[in-house]
Amino acid sequence: MPSSEQDARVQRSFKDGDLTAYGTLYLVGTPIGNLDDMSVRAVRILKEANWIAAEDTRQTRKLLTHFDIPGRLVSYHEHNKEKSGESLIEKLLAGETVALVSDAGLPAISDPGADVAAAAIERGIPVVPIPGPNAALTALIASGLPTDRFTFVGFLPREKKKAAAELARWSRHPATMIFYEAPHRVVATLRLMLEAWGDRRCVLARELTKRYEEFARGTLASCLRHVEETGPLGEYCVLVEGAADSGADEEPAAAWWADLSPAEHVAAYEERDGVTHKEALKLAATDRGVPKRELYNAIHQGGRDE
């Protein structure tokens, strides 16, 4: 972590005097369904880039063919991100430009693009965003739920107990929450949300910008019934309203862990939700608003960190 004494590093993306000898990493937004949403600037950047790094080269090749883009494709995804990421950094340090794309939408959101962007920034390589469609915001603006405050949560943990523990953390969150979910998991996720939060307003958005785009607007219970009756189809954005405002004059309810010691708080997560000690520490530290290390030291006086 940089020292607070250091000056902020400023990148002026369009000022010639600030160009380095390095190449530029472009984070290029691509259509989430409808190819007409591709921007003119995105096409130009992809045509000009020395390399195009793609999550799924077969999927991206279709996009490049459609727009007559002859770019050189390289694979960059979750399973090869360390080796491939370092290769991309080497290309950038050598002065070559790299355009990073995901299968759809904006790269670096719920995909490993964030890792290579952070690595490039750490090396002083310019990182320039090329805006484009995003499933979460596309779903939000048409959801009918409040948009003045919202939180993107993304995918929940795959294990049921960990997912339930994560939902418990968000139970009193006041803003609209946005989740991504796969079709084979959406029913189980809606059931967990209903159990954790009660029957709040909910919107299911799927096949966004495509021919069968669909919004199911109602409550968690009614949206759950809809998916159970029709069957889950396509990738989902699940939007759920935040916790109701209890009012300024109403005494806020005490947190369930308020009377527990730090050790009891961590133990409660381990016993109730069946998570590991490390994960329980993280959850309890988040509840208390303290660093995980501080909570660890409070429990294990004089013990070494994990």
C-alpha atoms as a PDB file:
ATOM      1  CA  MET A   1       0.000   0.000   0.000  1.00  0.00           C
ATOM      2  CA  PRO A   2       1.455   3.413  -0.893  1.00  0.00           C
ATOM      3  CA  SER A   3       2.452   5.707   1.940  1.00  0.00           C
ATOM      4  CA  SER A   4       0.167   8.636   2.761  1.00  0.00           C
ATOM      5  CA  GLU A   5       3.228  10.844   2.322  1.00  0.00           C
ATOM      6  CA  GLN A   6       3.456  10.042  -1.392  1.00  0.00           C
ATOM      7  CA  ASP A   7       1.875  12.288  -3.988  1.00  0.00           C
ATOM      8  CA  ALA A   8      -1.152  10.986  -5.879  1.00  0.00           C
ATOM      9  CA  ARG A   9      -0.274   9.533  -9.268  1.00  0.00           C
ATOM     10  CA  VAL A  10      -2.237  11.419 -11.914  1.00  0.00           C
ATOM     11  CA  GLN A  11      -3.057   9.958 -15.320  1.00  0.00           C
ATOM     12  CA  ARG A  12      -4.241  12.423 -17.990  1.00  0.00           C
ATOM     13  CA  SER A  13      -5.505  10.053 -20.633  1.00  0.00           C
ATOM     14  CA  PHE A  14      -5.715  12.565 -23.480  1.00  0.00           C
ATOM     15  CA  LYS A  15      -2.741  14.825 -22.803  1.00  0.00           C
ATOM     16  CA  ASP A  16       0.237  14.143 -25.080  1.00  0.00           C
ATOM     17  CA  GLY A  17       2.731  15.447 -22.530  1.00  0.00           C
ATOM     18  CA  ASP A  18       1.705  12.706 -20.122  1.00  0.00           C
ATOM     19  CA  LEU A  19       2.187   9.786 -22.508  1.00  0.00           C
ATOM     20  CA  THR A  20       4.715   7.219 -21.337  1.00  0.00           C
ATOM     21  CA  ALA A  21       6.920   4.895 -23.319  1.00  0.00           C
ATOM     22  CA  TYR A  22       4.546   2.114 -22.321  1.00  0.00           C
ATOM     23  CA  GLY A  23       1.529   0.927 -24.241  1.00  0.00           C
ATOM     24  CA  THR A  24      -2.002   1.643 -23.052  1.00  0.00           C
ATOM     25  CA  LEU A  25      -4.405  -0.899 -21.568  1.00  0.00           C
ATOM     26  CA  TYR A  26      -7.900  -0.172 -22.884  1.00  0.00           C
ATOM     27  CA  LEU A  27     -10.874  -1.660 -21.028  1.00  0.00           C
ATOM     28  CA  VAL A  28     -13.426  -1.931 -23.820  1.00  0.00           C
ATOM     29  CA  GLY A  29     -17.150  -2.334 -23.228  1.00  0.00           C
ATOM     30  CA  THR A  30     -18.900  -4.656 -25.673  1.00  0.00           C
ATOM     31  CA  PRO A  31     -22.613  -5.418 -26.256  1.00  0.00           C
ATOM     32  CA  ILE A  32     -24.428  -7.530 -23.674  1.00  0.00           C
ATOM     33  CA  GLY A  33     -26.708  -8.865 -26.391  1.00  0.00           C
ATOM     34  CA  ASN A  34     -27.725  -6.452 -29.126  1.00  0.00           C
ATOM     35  CA  LEU A  35     -24.749  -5.777 -31.418  1.00  0.00           C
ATOM     36  CA  ASP A  36     -26.190  -2.366 -32.332  1.00  0.00           C
ATOM     37  CA  ASP A  37     -25.056  -1.193 -28.891  1.00  0.00           C
ATOM     38  CA  MET A  38     -21.390  -1.370 -29.942  1.00  0.00           C
ATOM     39  CA  SER A  39     -19.915   2.134 -29.912  1.00  0.00           C
ATOM     40  CA  VAL A  40     -17.968   3.698 -32.772  1.00  0.00           C
ATOM     41  CA  ARG A  41     -15.109   4.401 -30.379  1.00  0.00           C
ATOM     42  CA  ALA A  42     -14.981   0.782 -29.207  1.00  0.00           C
ATOM     43  CA  VAL A  43     -14.703  -0.442 -32.807  1.00  0.00           C
ATOM     44  CA  ARG A  44     -11.902   2.041 -33.495  1.00  0.00           C
ATOM     45  CA  ILE A  45      -9.908   1.072 -30.396  1.00  0.00           C
ATOM     46  CA  LEU A  46     -10.208  -2.641 -31.186  1.00  0.00           C
ATOM     47  CA  LYS A  47      -9.017  -2.014 -34.747  1.00  0.00           C
ATOM     48  CA  GLU A  48      -6.036   0.023 -33.548  1.00  0.00           C
ATOM     49  CA  ALA A  49      -4.911  -2.225 -30.672  1.00  0.00           C
ATOM     50  CA  ASN A  50      -1.873  -4.443 -31.112  1.00  0.00           C
ATOM     51  CA  TRP A  51      -3.557  -7.159 -29.064  1.00  0.00           C
ATOM     52  CA  ILE A  52      -7.112  -7.972 -27.988  1.00  0.00           C
ATOM     53  CA  ALA A  53      -7.316  -9.943 -24.752  1.00  0.00           C
ATOM     54  CA  ALA A  54     -10.572 -11.888 -24.486  1.00  0.00           C
ATOM     55  CA  GLU A  55     -12.294 -14.059 -21.920  1.00  0.00           C
ATOM     56  CA  ASP A  56     -13.564 -16.439 -24.608  1.00  0.00           C
ATOM     57  CA  THR A  57     -11.707 -15.997 -27.891  1.00  0.00           C
ATOM     58  CA  ARG A  58     -14.363 -17.904 -29.845  1.00  0.00           C
ATOM     59  CA  GLN A  59     -17.108 -15.564 -28.628  1.00  0.00           C
ATOM     60  CA  THR A  60     -15.026 -12.457 -29.240  1.00  0.00           C
ATOM     61  CA  ARG A  61     -14.021 -13.663 -32.724  1.00  0.00           C
ATOM     62  CA  LYS A  62     -17.708 -13.537 -33.703  1.00  0.00           C
ATOM     63  CA  LEU A  63     -17.877  -9.912 -32.564  1.00  0.00           C
ATOM     64  CA  LEU A  64     -14.682  -8.982 -34.407  1.00  0.00           C
ATOM     65  CA  THR A  65     -15.887 -10.673 -37.590  1.00  0.00           C
ATOM     66  CA  HIS A  66     -19.202  -8.807 -37.427  1.00  0.00           C
ATOM     67  CA  PHE A  67     -17.411  -5.441 -37.293  1.00  0.00           C
ATOM     68  CA  ASP A  68     -14.595  -6.447 -39.647  1.00  0.00           C
ATOM     69  CA  ILE A  69     -11.913  -6.095 -36.975  1.00  0.00           C
ATOM     70  CA  PRO A  70      -8.718  -8.044 -37.807  1.00  0.00           C
ATOM     71  CA  GLY A  71      -7.174  -7.850 -34.303  1.00  0.00           C
ATOM     72  CA  ARG A  72      -4.753 -10.400 -32.849  1.00  0.00           C
ATOM     73  CA  LEU A  73      -6.561 -12.315 -30.124  1.00  0.00           C
ATOM     74  CA  VAL A  74      -5.030 -13.664 -26.911  1.00  0.00           C
ATOM     75  CA  SER A  75      -6.818 -15.573 -24.168  1.00  0.00           C
ATOM     76  CA  TYR A  76      -7.202 -14.045 -20.713  1.00  0.00           C
ATOM     77  CA  HIS A  77      -9.615 -15.619 -18.234  1.00  0.00           C
ATOM     78  CA  GLU A  78      -9.972 -16.795 -14.637  1.00  0.00           C
ATOM     79  CA  HIS A  79      -8.022 -20.014 -15.131  1.00  0.00           C
ATOM     80  CA  ASN A  80      -4.970 -18.533 -16.870  1.00  0.00           C
ATOM     81  CA  LYS A  81      -4.994 -15.017 -15.448  1.00  0.00           C
ATOM     82  CA  GLU A  82      -1.639 -15.238 -13.673  1.00  0.00           C
ATOM     83  CA  LYS A  83       0.415 -16.444 -16.637  1.00  0.00           C
ATOM     84  CA  SER A  84      -1.569 -14.604 -19.298  1.00  0.00           C
ATOM     85  CA  GLY A  85      -1.819 -11.467 -17.174  1.00  0.00           C
ATOM     86  CA  GLU A  86       1.952 -11.223 -16.831  1.00  0.00           C
ATOM     87  CA  SER A  87       2.277 -11.731 -20.591  1.00  0.00           C
ATOM     88  CA  LEU A  88      -0.094  -8.810 -21.193  1.00  0.00           C
ATOM     89  CA  ILE A  89       1.898  -6.615 -18.811  1.00  0.00           C
ATOM     90  CA  GLU A  90       5.109  -7.479 -20.691  1.00  0.00           C
ATOM     91  CA  LYS A  91       3.478  -6.442 -23.976  1.00  0.00           C
ATOM     92  CA  LEU A  92       2.358  -3.147 -22.443  1.00  0.00           C
ATOM     93  CA  LEU A  93       5.797  -2.455 -20.963  1.00  0.00           C
ATOM     94  CA  ALA A  94       7.220  -3.044 -24.443  1.00  0.00           C
ATOM     95  CA  GLY A  95       5.037  -0.243 -25.814  1.00  0.00           C
ATOM     96  CA  GLU A  96       2.252  -2.308 -27.378  1.00  0.00           C
ATOM     97  CA  THR A  97      -1.403  -1.478 -26.822  1.00  0.00           C
ATOM     98  CA  VAL A  98      -3.806  -4.049 -25.395  1.00  0.00           C
ATOM     99  CA  ALA A  99      -7.605  -3.897 -25.568  1.00  0.00           C
ATOM    100  CA  LEU A 100      -9.255  -6.043 -22.904  1.00  0.00           C
ATOM    101  CA  VAL A 101     -12.802  -7.282 -23.434  1.00  0.00           C
ATOM    102  CA  SER A 102     -15.097  -9.631 -21.543  1.00  0.00           C
ATOM    103  CA  ASP A 103     -17.648 -11.951 -23.122  1.00  0.00           C
ATOM    104  CA  ALA A 104     -20.238  -9.177 -22.782  1.00  0.00           C
ATOM    105  CA  GLY A 105     -20.468  -5.807 -21.114  1.00  0.00           C
ATOM    106  CA  LEU A 106     -17.733  -3.997 -19.228  1.00  0.00           C
ATOM    107  CA  PRO A 107     -14.519  -5.882 -18.401  1.00  0.00           C
ATOM    108  CA  ALA A 108     -13.214  -5.893 -14.813  1.00  0.00           C
ATOM    109  CA  ILE A 109     -16.700  -6.338 -13.313  1.00  0.00           C
ATOM    110  CA  SER A 110     -17.113  -9.845 -11.878  1.00  0.00           C
ATOM    111  CA  ASP A 111     -14.248 -11.045 -14.079  1.00  0.00           C
ATOM    112  CA  PRO A 112     -10.431 -11.172 -13.829  1.00  0.00           C
ATOM    113  CA  GLY A 113      -9.992  -7.979 -15.840  1.00  0.00           C
ATOM    114  CA  ALA A 114      -9.749  -6.134 -12.529  1.00  0.00           C
ATOM    115  CA  ASP A 115      -6.515  -7.995 -11.735  1.00  0.00           C
ATOM    116  CA  VAL A 116      -4.642  -7.036 -14.892  1.00  0.00           C
ATOM    117  CA  ALA A 117      -5.922  -3.441 -14.623  1.00  0.00           C
ATOM    118  CA  ALA A 118      -4.562  -3.205 -11.071  1.00  0.00           C
ATOM    119  CA  ALA A 119      -1.246  -4.755 -12.142  1.00  0.00           C
ATOM    120  CA  ALA A 120      -0.918  -2.265 -15.001  1.00  0.00           C
ATOM    121  CA  ILE A 121      -1.636   0.695 -12.735  1.00  0.00           C
ATOM    122  CA  GLU A 122       0.949  -0.571 -10.246  1.00  0.00           C
ATOM    123  CA  ARG A 123       3.582  -0.560 -13.038  1.00  0.00           C
ATOM    124  CA  GLY A 124       2.665   2.959 -14.186  1.00  0.00           C
ATOM    125  CA  ILE A 125       0.937   1.765 -17.368  1.00  0.00           C
ATOM    126  CA  PRO A 126      -1.985   3.952 -18.536  1.00  0.00           C
ATOM    127  CA  VAL A 127      -5.381   2.288 -18.132  1.00  0.00           C
ATOM    128  CA  VAL A 128      -8.166   3.890 -20.177  1.00  0.00           C
ATOM    129  CA  PRO A 129     -11.864   2.886 -20.015  1.00  0.00           C
ATOM    130  CA  ILE A 130     -13.949   2.700 -23.186  1.00  0.00           C
ATOM    131  CA  PRO A 131     -17.534   2.855 -21.876  1.00  0.00           C
ATOM    132  CA  GLY A 132     -20.179   0.466 -23.054  1.00  0.00           C
ATOM    133  CA  PRO A 133     -23.200  -1.556 -21.934  1.00  0.00           C
ATOM    134  CA  ASN A 134     -23.384  -3.011 -18.433  1.00  0.00           C
ATOM    135  CA  ALA A 135     -25.982  -5.565 -17.365  1.00  0.00           C
ATOM    136  CA  ALA A 136     -26.323  -4.337 -13.768  1.00  0.00           C
ATOM    137  CA  LEU A 137     -27.017  -0.697 -14.637  1.00  0.00           C
ATOM    138  CA  THR A 138     -29.139  -1.617 -17.648  1.00  0.00           C
ATOM    139  CA  ALA A 139     -31.361  -3.687 -15.356  1.00  0.00           C
ATOM    140  CA  LEU A 140     -31.405  -1.042 -12.617  1.00  0.00           C
ATOM    141  CA  ILE A 141     -32.674   1.875 -14.691  1.00  0.00           C
ATOM    142  CA  ALA A 142     -35.639  -0.170 -15.984  1.00  0.00           C
ATOM    143  CA  SER A 143     -36.382  -1.948 -12.699  1.00  0.00           C
ATOM    144  CA  GLY A 144     -38.643   0.620 -11.071  1.00  0.00           C
ATOM    145  CA  LEU A 145     -36.652   0.283  -7.835  1.00  0.00           C
ATOM    146  CA  PRO A 146     -34.875   3.296  -6.284  1.00  0.00           C
ATOM    147  CA  THR A 147     -31.800   4.379  -8.247  1.00  0.00           C
ATOM    148  CA  ASP A 148     -30.598   7.219  -6.015  1.00  0.00           C
ATOM    149  CA  ARG A 149     -28.598   4.719  -3.962  1.00  0.00           C
ATOM    150  CA  PHE A 150     -27.643   1.237  -5.094  1.00  0.00           C
ATOM    151  CA  THR A 151     -25.001  -1.410  -4.395  1.00  0.00           C
ATOM    152  CA  PHE A 152     -23.604  -3.957  -6.819  1.00  0.00           C
ATOM    153  CA  VAL A 153     -23.004  -7.201  -4.905  1.00  0.00           C
ATOM    154  CA  GLY A 154     -22.384  -9.514  -7.857  1.00  0.00           C
ATOM    155  CA  PHE A 155     -22.372 -13.287  -7.425  1.00  0.00           C
ATOM    156  CA  LEU A 156     -23.040 -14.860  -4.027  1.00  0.00           C
ATOM    157  CA  PRO A 157     -20.764 -17.633  -2.716  1.00  0.00           C
ATOM    158  CA  ARG A 158     -21.589 -21.032  -4.190  1.00  0.00           C
ATOM    159  CA  GLU A 159     -21.902 -22.822  -0.838  1.00  0.00           C
ATOM    160  CA  LYS A 160     -25.347 -22.447   0.728  1.00  0.00           C
ATOM    161  CA  LYS A 161     -24.099 -21.650   4.244  1.00  0.00           C
ATOM    162  CA  LYS A 162     -21.684 -19.008   3.002  1.00  0.00           C
ATOM    163  CA  ALA A 163     -24.349 -17.486   0.760  1.00  0.00           C
ATOM    164  CA  ALA A 164     -26.766 -17.317   3.711  1.00  0.00           C
ATOM    165  CA  ALA A 165     -24.097 -15.657   5.857  1.00  0.00           C
ATOM    166  CA  GLU A 166     -23.417 -13.116   3.112  1.00  0.00           C
ATOM    167  CA  LEU A 167     -27.120 -12.287   2.806  1.00  0.00           C
ATOM    168  CA  ALA A 168     -27.329 -11.824   6.590  1.00  0.00           C
ATOM    169  CA  ARG A 169     -24.666  -9.126   6.306  1.00  0.00           C
ATOM    170  CA  TRP A 170     -26.841  -7.181   3.853  1.00  0.00           C
ATOM    171  CA  SER A 171     -30.109  -7.553   5.771  1.00  0.00           C
ATOM    172  CA  ARG A 172     -30.253  -3.912   6.944  1.00  0.00           C
ATOM    173  CA  HIS A 173     -28.612  -2.357   3.894  1.00  0.00           C
ATOM    174  CA  PRO A 174     -30.787   0.627   2.863  1.00  0.00           C
ATOM    175  CA  ALA A 175     -29.971   0.782  -0.866  1.00  0.00           C
ATOM    176  CA  THR A 176     -31.173  -1.253  -3.835  1.00  0.00           C
ATOM    177  CA  MET A 177     -28.951  -4.326  -4.203  1.00  0.00           C
ATOM    178  CA  ILE A 178     -27.950  -5.861  -7.537  1.00  0.00           C
ATOM    179  CA  PHE A 179     -26.845  -9.476  -7.887  1.00  0.00           C
ATOM    180  CA  TYR A 180     -25.778 -11.624 -10.820  1.00  0.00           C
ATOM    181  CA  GLU A 181     -27.003 -15.213 -10.901  1.00  0.00           C
ATOM    182  CA  ALA A 182     -26.779 -18.227 -13.174  1.00  0.00           C
ATOM    183  CA  PRO A 183     -29.994 -19.934 -14.324  1.00  0.00           C
ATOM    184  CA  HIS A 184     -29.344 -23.181 -12.454  1.00  0.00           C
ATOM    185  CA  ARG A 185     -28.901 -21.291  -9.150  1.00  0.00           C
ATOM    186  CA  VAL A 186     -31.486 -18.519  -9.322  1.00  0.00           C
ATOM    187  CA  VAL A 187     -34.307 -20.470  -7.608  1.00  0.00           C
ATOM    188  CA  ALA A 188     -32.109 -21.422  -4.650  1.00  0.00           C
ATOM    189  CA  THR A 189     -30.848 -17.844  -4.378  1.00  0.00           C
ATOM    190  CA  LEU A 190     -34.355 -16.367  -4.323  1.00  0.00           C
ATOM    191  CA  ARG A 191     -35.352 -18.831  -1.603  1.00  0.00           C
ATOM    192  CA  LEU A 192     -32.348 -17.828   0.506  1.00  0.00           C
ATOM    193  CA  MET A 193     -33.151 -14.128   0.026  1.00  0.00           C
ATOM    194  CA  LEU A 194     -36.782 -14.655   1.008  1.00  0.00           C
ATOM    195  CA  GLU A 195     -35.694 -16.537   4.114  1.00  0.00           C
ATOM    196  CA  ALA A 196     -33.084 -13.946   5.071  1.00  0.00           C
ATOM    197  CA  TRP A 197     -34.964 -10.714   4.336  1.00  0.00           C
ATOM    198  CA  GLY A 198     -38.677 -11.447   4.116  1.00  0.00           C
ATOM    199  CA  ASP A 199     -40.846 -10.589   1.120  1.00  0.00           C
ATOM    200  CA  ARG A 200     -39.308  -7.396  -0.277  1.00  0.00           C
ATOM    201  CA  ARG A 201     -39.787  -5.897  -3.726  1.00  0.00           C
ATOM    202  CA  CYS A 202     -37.721  -7.689  -6.339  1.00  0.00           C
ATOM    203  CA  VAL A 203     -37.039  -7.528 -10.072  1.00  0.00           C
ATOM    204  CA  LEU A 204     -35.617 -10.310 -12.231  1.00  0.00           C
ATOM    205  CA  ALA A 205     -34.049  -9.135 -15.477  1.00  0.00           C
ATOM    206  CA  ARG A 206     -32.816 -11.610 -18.073  1.00  0.00           C
ATOM    207  CA  GLU A 207     -31.746 -11.716 -21.727  1.00  0.00           C
ATOM    208  CA  LEU A 208     -31.110  -7.958 -21.571  1.00  0.00           C
ATOM    209  CA  THR A 209     -31.103  -6.182 -24.971  1.00  0.00           C
ATOM    210  CA  LYS A 210     -31.819  -9.506 -26.695  1.00  0.00           C
ATOM    211  CA  ARG A 211     -34.954 -10.683 -28.507  1.00  0.00           C
ATOM    212  CA  TYR A 212     -36.402 -12.379 -25.403  1.00  0.00           C
ATOM    213  CA  GLU A 213     -35.556  -9.636 -22.919  1.00  0.00           C
ATOM    214  CA  GLU A 214     -37.761 -10.029 -19.858  1.00  0.00           C
ATOM    215  CA  PHE A 215     -38.388  -8.150 -16.609  1.00  0.00           C
ATOM    216  CA  ALA A 216     -40.348  -9.888 -13.837  1.00  0.00           C
ATOM    217  CA  ARG A 217     -41.329  -7.207 -11.313  1.00  0.00           C
ATOM    218  CA  GLY A 218     -42.961  -8.021  -7.995  1.00  0.00           C
ATOM    219  CA  THR A 219     -41.743  -9.364  -4.667  1.00  0.00           C
ATOM    220  CA  LEU A 220     -39.233 -12.062  -3.840  1.00  0.00           C
ATOM    221  CA  ALA A 221     -42.086 -14.529  -3.351  1.00  0.00           C
ATOM    222  CA  SER A 222     -43.875 -13.690  -6.610  1.00  0.00           C
ATOM    223  CA  CYS A 223     -40.630 -13.665  -8.616  1.00  0.00           C
ATOM    224  CA  LEU A 224     -39.715 -17.029  -7.104  1.00  0.00           C
ATOM    225  CA  ARG A 225     -43.099 -18.456  -8.162  1.00  0.00           C
ATOM    226  CA  HIS A 226     -42.613 -17.048 -11.662  1.00  0.00           C
ATOM    227  CA  VAL A 227     -39.244 -18.773 -12.119  1.00  0.00           C
ATOM    228  CA  GLU A 228     -40.513 -22.040 -10.603  1.00  0.00           C
ATOM    229  CA  GLU A 229     -43.493 -22.039 -12.987  1.00  0.00           C
ATOM    230  CA  THR A 230     -41.729 -20.960 -16.183  1.00  0.00           C
ATOM    231  CA  GLY A 231     -38.297 -22.453 -15.554  1.00  0.00           C
ATOM    232  CA  PRO A 232     -35.085 -20.414 -15.365  1.00  0.00           C
ATOM    233  CA  LEU A 233     -33.769 -19.213 -18.722  1.00  0.00           C
ATOM    234  CA  GLY A 234     -30.597 -17.196 -19.362  1.00  0.00           C
ATOM    235  CA  GLU A 235     -28.345 -15.224 -17.038  1.00  0.00           C
ATOM    236  CA  TYR A 236     -30.143 -13.134 -14.433  1.00  0.00           C
ATOM    237  CA  CYS A 237     -29.770  -9.770 -12.770  1.00  0.00           C
ATOM    238  CA  VAL A 238     -31.592  -9.965  -9.445  1.00  0.00           C
ATOM    239  CA  LEU A 239     -32.487  -6.580  -7.969  1.00  0.00           C
ATOM    240  CA  VAL A 240     -33.885  -6.306  -4.449  1.00  0.00           C
ATOM    241  CA  GLU A 241     -35.004  -3.206  -2.588  1.00  0.00           C
ATOM    242  CA  GLY A 242     -33.040  -2.169   0.467  1.00  0.00           C
ATOM    243  CA  ALA A 243     -34.220  -2.422   4.067  1.00  0.00           C
ATOM    244  CA  ALA A 244     -37.119  -0.129   4.938  1.00  0.00           C
ATOM    245  CA  ASP A 245     -36.209   3.138   6.659  1.00  0.00           C
ATOM    246  CA  SER A 246     -37.287   2.812  10.283  1.00  0.00           C
ATOM    247  CA  GLY A 247     -37.577   6.608  10.632  1.00  0.00           C
ATOM    248  CA  ALA A 248     -35.326   9.109  12.371  1.00  0.00           C
ATOM    249  CA  ASP A 249     -37.369   9.122  15.603  1.00  0.00           C
ATOM    250  CA  GLU A 250     -37.472   5.365  15.948  1.00  0.00           C
ATOM    251  CA  GLU A 251     -34.797   3.685  18.030  1.00  0.00           C
ATOM    252  CA  PRO A 252     -32.773   1.431  15.720  1.00  0.00           C
ATOM    253  CA  ALA A 253     -32.901  -2.253  16.533  1.00  0.00           C
ATOM    254  CA  ALA A 254     -29.819  -3.581  18.277  1.00  0.00           C
ATOM    255  CA  ALA A 255     -27.573  -5.789  16.188  1.00  0.00           C
ATOM    256  CA  TRP A 256     -27.961  -9.496  16.988  1.00  0.00           C
ATOM    257  CA  TRP A 257     -24.325  -9.622  18.107  1.00  0.00           C
ATOM    258  CA  ALA A 258     -24.375  -6.460  20.253  1.00  0.00           C
ATOM    259  CA  ASP A 259     -24.101  -8.309  23.587  1.00  0.00           C
ATOM    260  CA  LEU A 260     -21.499 -10.804  22.398  1.00  0.00           C
ATOM    261  CA  SER A 261     -17.780 -10.579  23.044  1.00  0.00           C
ATOM    262  CA  PRO A 262     -15.523 -10.631  19.941  1.00  0.00           C
ATOM    263  CA  ALA A 263     -14.766 -14.322  20.525  1.00  0.00           C
ATOM    264  CA  GLU A 264     -18.465 -15.160  20.990  1.00  0.00           C
ATOM    265  CA  HIS A 265     -19.336 -13.170  17.867  1.00  0.00           C
ATOM    266  CA  VAL A 266     -16.892 -15.183  15.738  1.00  0.00           C
ATOM    267  CA  ALA A 267     -17.982 -18.461  17.344  1.00  0.00           C
ATOM    268  CA  ALA A 268     -21.634 -17.661  16.578  1.00  0.00           C
ATOM    269  CA  TYR A 269     -20.872 -17.425  12.861  1.00  0.00           C
ATOM    270  CA  GLU A 270     -18.927 -20.691  12.985  1.00  0.00           C
ATOM    271  CA  GLU A 271     -21.718 -22.535  14.813  1.00  0.00           C
ATOM    272  CA  ARG A 272     -24.749 -20.921  13.197  1.00  0.00           C
ATOM    273  CA  ASP A 273     -23.558 -20.678   9.595  1.00  0.00           C
ATOM    274  CA  GLY A 274     -20.873 -23.355   9.523  1.00  0.00           C
ATOM    275  CA  VAL A 275     -18.215 -21.126   7.990  1.00  0.00           C
ATOM    276  CA  THR A 276     -14.479 -21.420   8.581  1.00  0.00           C
ATOM    277  CA  HIS A 277     -12.755 -19.527  11.380  1.00  0.00           C
ATOM    278  CA  LYS A 278     -11.113 -17.235   8.821  1.00  0.00           C
ATOM    279  CA  GLU A 279     -14.419 -16.411   7.147  1.00  0.00           C
ATOM    280  CA  ALA A 280     -16.143 -15.953  10.523  1.00  0.00           C
ATOM    281  CA  LEU A 281     -13.446 -13.442  11.501  1.00  0.00           C
ATOM    282  CA  LYS A 282     -14.060 -11.522   8.287  1.00  0.00           C
ATOM    283  CA  LEU A 283     -17.847 -11.451   8.800  1.00  0.00           C
ATOM    284  CA  ALA A 284     -17.590 -10.390  12.450  1.00  0.00           C
ATOM    285  CA  ALA A 285     -15.046  -7.687  11.627  1.00  0.00           C
ATOM    286  CA  THR A 286     -17.403  -6.306   8.961  1.00  0.00           C
ATOM    287  CA  ASP A 287     -20.289  -6.265  11.467  1.00  0.00           C
ATOM    288  CA  ARG A 288     -18.195  -4.354  14.001  1.00  0.00           C
ATOM    289  CA  GLY A 289     -16.622  -2.017  11.487  1.00  0.00           C
ATOM    290  CA  VAL A 290     -13.054  -2.888  12.504  1.00  0.00           C
ATOM    291  CA  PRO A 291     -10.121  -4.389  10.591  1.00  0.00           C
ATOM    292  CA  LYS A 292      -9.964  -8.176  10.601  1.00  0.00           C
ATOM    293  CA  ARG A 293      -6.469  -8.069  12.129  1.00  0.00           C
ATOM    294  CA  GLU A 294      -7.687  -5.912  15.023  1.00  0.00           C
ATOM    295  CA  LEU A 295     -10.476  -8.368  15.804  1.00  0.00           C
ATOM    296  CA  TYR A 296      -8.060 -11.293  15.541  1.00  0.00           C
ATOM    297  CA  ASN A 297      -5.685  -9.652  18.017  1.00  0.00           C
ATOM    298  CA  ALA A 298      -8.542  -8.909  20.412  1.00  0.00           C
ATOM    299  CA  ILE A 299      -9.417 -12.614  20.475  1.00  0.00           C
ATOM    300  CA  HIS A 300      -5.925 -14.079  20.353  1.00  0.00           C
ATOM    301  CA  GLN A 301      -3.958 -11.787  22.636  1.00  0.00           C
ATOM    302  CA  GLY A 302      -0.293 -12.101  21.747  1.00  0.00           C
ATOM    303  CA  GLY A 303      -1.022 -14.818  19.153  1.00  0.00           C
ATOM    304  CA  ARG A 304       0.471 -14.714  15.686  1.00  0.00           C
ATOM    305  CA  ASP A 305      -1.691 -13.686  12.799  1.00  0.00           C
ATOM    306  CA  GLU A 306      -3.040 -16.382  10.510  1.00  0.00           C
END
